[in-house]
Amino acid sequence: MVTHTRIRAFNTKDAYPEQKLDNDVCMAVRAGNTVYLRGQTMMDLDGKLVGIGDPAAQADNAMRCAEILLKEAGSELSHIVKIVIYITDRAYREPVYQTIGRWLKGVYPVSTGIIVNGLAKPEYMMEIDIIAEIPA
């Protein structure tokens, strides 16, 4: 019995050919009415890097991709209940949070922010992890 739906399955060797990876993952999982998104970054849904050197542009791309993935899962941005934002430099906090804030105006998710030493690709300045709950 299938308990969840996988959306946009892929293998990490395709997304990160420069790394020696071979993991089967997906962009989103819907389990019941809960949607879990893979961390969204500057990489668009076609694998192109958007916004090199620009944390606000990276955040905008991440949210654009999140909106598309949520729709594919039968959800929307207003269903977001939790976000975790990772940035690689405290100086990126303001442009990243301002951009995400515009996308989530009036949504009021719980939010955690973490400063990290690095992300999956050296060009990544930010990443956002999202959980949404579709109303019954």
Protein backbone atom coordinates (compact mmCIF):
# COMPACT_ATOMS: atom_id res chain seq x y z
CA MET A 1 0.00 0.00 0.00
CA VAL A 2 1.44 3.35 -1.07
CA THR A 3 1.31 5.87 1.77
CA HIS A 4 2.77 8.81 -0.09
CA THR A 5 3.41 10.24 -3.54
CA ARG A 6 6.85 11.10 -4.85
CA ILE A 7 7.03 14.10 -7.17
CA ARG A 8 9.86 14.67 -9.67
CA ALA A 9 12.06 11.73 -8.75
CA PHE A 10 15.71 12.02 -9.81
CA ASN A 11 19.18 10.75 -9.00
CA THR A 12 21.80 12.97 -7.38
CA LYS A 13 24.39 11.94 -9.98
CA ASP A 14 22.35 13.97 -12.50
CA ALA A 15 22.02 17.08 -10.32
CA TYR A 16 25.59 16.96 -9.03
CA PRO A 17 27.70 15.34 -11.79
CA GLU A 18 30.87 16.83 -10.29
CA GLN A 19 30.31 14.79 -7.11
CA LYS A 20 30.45 11.01 -6.76
CA LEU A 21 26.84 10.50 -5.71
CA ASP A 22 24.17 7.97 -6.66
CA ASN A 23 21.14 8.63 -4.48
CA ASP A 24 17.52 8.23 -5.58
CA VAL A 25 15.55 11.18 -4.21
CA CYS A 26 12.71 13.45 -5.31
CA MET A 27 11.78 17.12 -5.27
CA ALA A 28 8.64 16.67 -3.17
CA VAL A 29 6.73 14.06 -1.21
CA ARG A 30 3.05 14.23 -0.36
CA ALA A 31 2.13 12.06 2.62
CA GLY A 32 -1.58 12.40 3.32
CA ASN A 33 -2.16 16.15 3.47
CA THR A 34 1.45 17.00 4.32
CA VAL A 35 3.91 18.09 1.64
CA TYR A 36 7.66 17.99 2.18
CA LEU A 37 9.89 19.81 -0.29
CA ARG A 38 13.51 19.10 -1.00
CA GLY A 39 15.67 22.06 0.00
CA GLN A 40 15.20 24.72 -2.67
CA THR A 41 18.21 26.72 -3.85
CA MET A 42 19.44 28.67 -6.84
CA MET A 43 19.09 25.52 -8.98
CA ASP A 44 15.93 25.76 -11.03
CA LEU A 45 13.76 22.76 -11.84
CA ASP A 46 15.71 22.19 -15.06
CA GLY A 47 19.07 22.09 -13.24
CA LYS A 48 20.19 25.59 -14.26
CA LEU A 49 21.89 27.82 -11.65
CA VAL A 50 20.06 31.14 -11.21
CA GLY A 51 21.49 34.18 -9.40
CA ILE A 52 25.20 33.41 -9.03
CA GLY A 53 26.56 35.84 -6.44
CA ASP A 54 23.12 37.29 -5.63
CA PRO A 55 21.44 35.90 -2.49
CA ALA A 56 18.11 37.67 -3.19
CA ALA A 57 17.95 36.24 -6.73
CA GLN A 58 18.73 32.79 -5.34
CA ALA A 59 15.94 33.11 -2.77
CA ASP A 60 13.54 34.29 -5.46
CA ASN A 61 14.37 31.24 -7.61
CA ALA A 62 14.00 28.93 -4.62
CA MET A 63 10.53 30.29 -3.86
CA ARG A 64 9.47 30.17 -7.52
CA CYS A 65 10.45 26.48 -7.62
CA ALA A 66 8.74 25.84 -4.29
CA GLU A 67 5.50 27.34 -5.61
CA ILE A 68 5.61 25.06 -8.67
CA LEU A 69 6.37 21.95 -6.61
CA LEU A 70 3.63 22.71 -4.12
CA LYS A 71 1.12 23.08 -6.95
CA GLU A 72 2.25 19.75 -8.42
CA ALA A 73 1.57 18.20 -5.00
CA GLY A 74 -1.92 19.75 -4.82
CA SER A 75 -0.84 22.48 -2.42
CA GLU A 76 0.09 26.17 -2.50
CA LEU A 77 2.29 28.70 -0.72
CA SER A 78 -0.50 29.60 1.72
CA HIS A 79 -0.37 26.02 3.06
CA ILE A 80 3.25 26.37 4.25
CA VAL A 81 3.53 25.71 7.98
CA LYS A 82 7.30 25.52 8.53
CA ILE A 83 10.41 26.84 6.85
CA VAL A 84 14.08 26.44 7.65
CA ILE A 85 16.37 28.92 5.92
CA TYR A 86 20.07 28.15 5.59
CA ILE A 87 22.50 30.93 4.62
CA THR A 88 26.26 30.75 4.22
CA ASP A 89 26.93 34.26 5.52
CA ARG A 90 25.09 36.44 8.04
CA ALA A 91 25.26 39.29 5.49
CA TYR A 92 22.81 37.34 3.29
CA ARG A 93 20.12 37.24 5.97
CA GLU A 94 18.46 40.52 5.07
CA PRO A 95 18.21 40.07 1.27
CA VAL A 96 17.18 36.40 1.59
CA TYR A 97 14.58 37.00 4.31
CA GLN A 98 13.16 40.07 2.52
CA THR A 99 12.70 38.05 -0.66
CA ILE A 100 11.13 35.06 1.09
CA GLY A 101 8.97 37.45 3.10
CA ARG A 102 7.48 38.89 -0.09
CA TRP A 103 6.54 35.38 -1.27
CA LEU A 104 5.05 34.44 2.11
CA LYS A 105 3.31 37.69 3.04
CA GLY A 106 0.28 36.81 5.20
CA VAL A 107 1.21 33.10 5.50
CA TYR A 108 2.87 33.18 8.97
CA PRO A 109 4.82 29.88 8.97
CA VAL A 110 7.10 28.98 11.84
CA SER A 111 10.66 29.76 10.79
CA THR A 112 14.16 28.77 11.75
CA GLY A 113 17.29 30.40 10.36
CA ILE A 114 20.68 28.73 10.37
CA ILE A 115 24.08 30.00 9.25
CA VAL A 116 26.16 27.19 7.77
CA ASN A 117 29.71 26.85 6.47
CA GLY A 118 28.58 25.65 3.08
CA LEU A 119 25.87 23.98 1.03
CA ALA A 120 25.84 21.29 -1.70
CA LYS A 121 27.43 23.52 -4.35
CA PRO A 122 29.89 26.34 -3.64
CA GLU A 123 27.67 28.77 -5.59
CA TYR A 124 24.74 28.20 -3.22
CA MET A 125 24.36 31.12 -0.82
CA MET A 126 21.03 29.99 0.62
CA GLU A 127 18.65 27.06 0.81
CA ILE A 128 15.11 26.81 2.11
CA ASP A 129 13.43 23.70 3.49
CA ILE A 130 9.61 23.77 3.39
CA ILE A 131 6.77 21.76 4.91
CA ALA A 132 3.15 22.46 3.95
CA GLU A 133 -0.13 21.09 5.29
CA ILE A 134 -3.06 20.99 2.87
CA PRO A 135 -6.32 21.87 4.67
CA ALA A 136 -8.75 18.97 5.00
